C-alpha atoms as a PDB file:
ATOM      1  CA  MET A   1     -21.364 -36.975 -42.950  1.00  0.00           C
ATOM      2  CA  LYS A   2     -23.055 -37.856 -39.690  1.00  0.00           C
ATOM      3  CA  THR A   3     -25.320 -35.641 -37.636  1.00  0.00           C
ATOM      4  CA  THR A   4     -23.361 -33.520 -35.149  1.00  0.00           C
ATOM      5  CA  HIS A   5     -24.616 -33.641 -31.569  1.00  0.00           C
ATOM      6  CA  LEU A   6     -24.335 -30.256 -29.881  1.00  0.00           C
ATOM      7  CA  THR A   7     -24.348 -29.302 -26.204  1.00  0.00           C
ATOM      8  CA  ASP A   8     -24.296 -26.058 -24.247  1.00  0.00           C
ATOM      9  CA  SER A   9     -20.492 -26.295 -24.191  1.00  0.00           C
ATOM     10  CA  THR A  10     -19.949 -27.098 -27.909  1.00  0.00           C
ATOM     11  CA  PHE A  11     -22.697 -25.044 -29.583  1.00  0.00           C
ATOM     12  CA  ASP A  12     -20.950 -21.696 -30.109  1.00  0.00           C
ATOM     13  CA  ALA A  13     -17.590 -23.153 -31.128  1.00  0.00           C
ATOM     14  CA  THR A  14     -19.235 -25.480 -33.645  1.00  0.00           C
ATOM     15  CA  LEU A  15     -21.337 -22.755 -35.251  1.00  0.00           C
ATOM     16  CA  ASN A  16     -18.396 -20.360 -35.389  1.00  0.00           C
ATOM     17  CA  SER A  17     -16.092 -22.969 -36.946  1.00  0.00           C
ATOM     18  CA  THR A  18     -17.904 -23.194 -40.285  1.00  0.00           C
ATOM     19  CA  SER A  19     -18.971 -20.880 -43.096  1.00  0.00           C
ATOM     20  CA  GLN A  20     -21.583 -23.427 -44.183  1.00  0.00           C
ATOM     21  CA  PRO A  21     -25.225 -23.119 -43.201  1.00  0.00           C
ATOM     22  CA  VAL A  22     -26.010 -25.036 -40.020  1.00  0.00           C
ATOM     23  CA  LEU A  23     -29.374 -26.744 -39.483  1.00  0.00           C
ATOM     24  CA  VAL A  24     -30.019 -27.381 -35.781  1.00  0.00           C
ATOM     25  CA  ASP A  25     -32.798 -29.688 -34.645  1.00  0.00           C
ATOM     26  CA  PHE A  26     -33.814 -28.807 -31.068  1.00  0.00           C
ATOM     27  CA  HIS A  27     -35.377 -31.986 -29.674  1.00  0.00           C
ATOM     28  CA  ALA A  28     -35.912 -34.239 -26.649  1.00  0.00           C
ATOM     29  CA  GLU A  29     -35.994 -38.006 -26.279  1.00  0.00           C
ATOM     30  CA  TRP A  30     -39.558 -38.037 -24.885  1.00  0.00           C
ATOM     31  CA  CYS A  31     -40.984 -36.024 -27.822  1.00  0.00           C
ATOM     32  CA  GLY A  32     -42.917 -38.183 -30.322  1.00  0.00           C
ATOM     33  CA  PRO A  33     -42.692 -35.785 -33.282  1.00  0.00           C
ATOM     34  CA  CYS A  34     -38.976 -35.372 -32.520  1.00  0.00           C
ATOM     35  CA  ARG A  35     -38.472 -39.127 -32.788  1.00  0.00           C
ATOM     36  CA  THR A  36     -40.298 -39.083 -36.131  1.00  0.00           C
ATOM     37  CA  LEU A  37     -38.124 -36.232 -37.414  1.00  0.00           C
ATOM     38  CA  GLY A  38     -34.825 -37.680 -36.150  1.00  0.00           C
ATOM     39  CA  PRO A  39     -34.211 -40.121 -39.038  1.00  0.00           C
ATOM     40  CA  VAL A  40     -35.039 -37.356 -41.547  1.00  0.00           C
ATOM     41  CA  ILE A  41     -32.417 -35.117 -39.934  1.00  0.00           C
ATOM     42  CA  ASP A  42     -29.889 -37.972 -40.134  1.00  0.00           C
ATOM     43  CA  GLU A  43     -30.684 -38.496 -43.846  1.00  0.00           C
ATOM     44  CA  ILE A  44     -30.191 -34.805 -44.556  1.00  0.00           C
ATOM     45  CA  ALA A  45     -26.845 -34.898 -42.720  1.00  0.00           C
ATOM     46  CA  GLU A  46     -25.701 -37.805 -44.897  1.00  0.00           C
ATOM     47  CA  GLU A  47     -26.825 -36.117 -48.122  1.00  0.00           C
ATOM     48  CA  GLN A  48     -25.820 -32.510 -47.385  1.00  0.00           C
ATOM     49  CA  GLY A  49     -22.541 -33.131 -45.564  1.00  0.00           C
ATOM     50  CA  SER A  50     -20.479 -31.153 -48.062  1.00  0.00           C
ATOM     51  CA  GLN A  51     -22.910 -28.225 -48.253  1.00  0.00           C
ATOM     52  CA  ALA A  52     -24.221 -27.839 -44.703  1.00  0.00           C
ATOM     53  CA  LEU A  53     -23.622 -28.895 -41.134  1.00  0.00           C
ATOM     54  CA  VAL A  54     -26.625 -30.734 -39.702  1.00  0.00           C
ATOM     55  CA  ALA A  55     -26.866 -30.922 -35.933  1.00  0.00           C
ATOM     56  CA  LYS A  56     -29.122 -31.923 -33.063  1.00  0.00           C
ATOM     57  CA  LEU A  57     -29.371 -30.365 -29.623  1.00  0.00           C
ATOM     58  CA  ASN A  58     -31.238 -32.132 -26.819  1.00  0.00           C
ATOM     59  CA  VAL A  59     -33.086 -29.367 -24.957  1.00  0.00           C
ATOM     60  CA  ASP A  60     -33.206 -31.400 -21.744  1.00  0.00           C
ATOM     61  CA  HIS A  61     -29.418 -31.785 -21.706  1.00  0.00           C
ATOM     62  CA  SER A  62     -28.625 -28.276 -23.013  1.00  0.00           C
ATOM     63  CA  PRO A  63     -31.137 -25.848 -21.493  1.00  0.00           C
ATOM     64  CA  VAL A  64     -28.878 -22.784 -21.759  1.00  0.00           C
ATOM     65  CA  ILE A  65     -28.778 -22.784 -25.565  1.00  0.00           C
ATOM     66  CA  ALA A  66     -32.464 -23.716 -25.818  1.00  0.00           C
ATOM     67  CA  ALA A  67     -33.335 -20.728 -23.613  1.00  0.00           C
ATOM     68  CA  ARG A  68     -31.037 -18.400 -25.582  1.00  0.00           C
ATOM     69  CA  TYR A  69     -33.027 -19.098 -28.748  1.00  0.00           C
ATOM     70  CA  GLY A  70     -36.431 -19.057 -27.040  1.00  0.00           C
ATOM     71  CA  ILE A  71     -37.219 -22.702 -27.698  1.00  0.00           C
ATOM     72  CA  THR A  72     -40.590 -23.272 -26.028  1.00  0.00           C
ATOM     73  CA  SER A  73     -41.928 -26.127 -28.145  1.00  0.00           C
ATOM     74  CA  ILE A  74     -40.196 -28.947 -29.947  1.00  0.00           C
ATOM     75  CA  PRO A  75     -39.220 -30.043 -32.442  1.00  0.00           C
ATOM     76  CA  ALA A  76     -37.832 -26.648 -33.338  1.00  0.00           C
ATOM     77  CA  LEU A  77     -35.452 -26.121 -36.230  1.00  0.00           C
ATOM     78  CA  ILE A  78     -33.187 -23.163 -36.836  1.00  0.00           C
ATOM     79  CA  VAL A  79     -30.961 -22.594 -39.853  1.00  0.00           C
ATOM     80  CA  PHE A  80     -27.887 -20.528 -38.978  1.00  0.00           C
ATOM     81  CA  LYS A  81     -25.581 -18.694 -41.380  1.00  0.00           C
ATOM     82  CA  ASN A  82     -22.330 -17.205 -40.066  1.00  0.00           C
ATOM     83  CA  GLY A  83     -23.428 -18.079 -36.539  1.00  0.00           C
ATOM     84  CA  GLN A  84     -26.698 -16.137 -36.792  1.00  0.00           C
ATOM     85  CA  PRO A  85     -30.217 -17.579 -37.073  1.00  0.00           C
ATOM     86  CA  VAL A  86     -31.771 -16.942 -40.488  1.00  0.00           C
ATOM     87  CA  THR A  87     -34.833 -19.225 -40.452  1.00  0.00           C
ATOM     88  CA  ARG A  88     -36.916 -20.783 -37.663  1.00  0.00           C
ATOM     89  CA  LEU A  89     -39.529 -23.521 -37.881  1.00  0.00           C
ATOM     90  CA  ARG A  90     -41.536 -25.344 -35.247  1.00  0.00           C
ATOM     91  CA  GLY A  91     -43.145 -28.740 -35.454  1.00  0.00           C
ATOM     92  CA  LEU A  92     -42.711 -31.676 -37.761  1.00  0.00           C
ATOM     93  CA  GLN A  93     -41.302 -30.621 -41.152  1.00  0.00           C
ATOM     94  CA  THR A  94     -40.825 -32.411 -44.440  1.00  0.00           C
ATOM     95  CA  LYS A  95     -37.421 -33.301 -45.775  1.00  0.00           C
ATOM     96  CA  SER A  96     -38.032 -31.166 -48.860  1.00  0.00           C
ATOM     97  CA  THR A  97     -38.815 -28.111 -46.718  1.00  0.00           C
ATOM     98  CA  LEU A  98     -35.616 -28.527 -44.726  1.00  0.00           C
ATOM     99  CA  LEU A  99     -33.515 -29.055 -47.845  1.00  0.00           C
ATOM    100  CA  ARG A 100     -34.986 -25.887 -49.379  1.00  0.00           C
ATOM    101  CA  LEU A 101     -34.104 -23.872 -46.254  1.00  0.00           C
ATOM    102  CA  ILE A 102     -30.524 -25.137 -46.379  1.00  0.00           C
ATOM    103  CA  ARG A 103     -30.235 -24.246 -50.090  1.00  0.00           C
ATOM    104  CA  GLU A 104     -31.609 -20.753 -49.414  1.00  0.00           C
ATOM    105  CA  ALA A 105     -28.997 -20.175 -46.696  1.00  0.00           C
ATOM    106  CA  VAL A 106     -25.984 -21.133 -48.850  1.00  0.00           C
END
């Protein structure tokens, strides 16, 4: 499954449409660590497609959602379960860390 790209207008509907955990990568195109993390997020989406929804939200294009969750530095990652945040991380993370967080949220 491919990475889902979220916006201010699609965020809530997407999170509320699934019972699976949702990993959201809050990022921006100009952010170096975000560009490093991007391919890892895409790999996780491909591998975890049946167990979790993996998504990206560009904070420059979707400032309303970024503000709602207090995103002040990027990359920021939040795992949601039933539409509610359960885990938050900031900065570059390893694939194994992100996979563990998804497993814990199932």
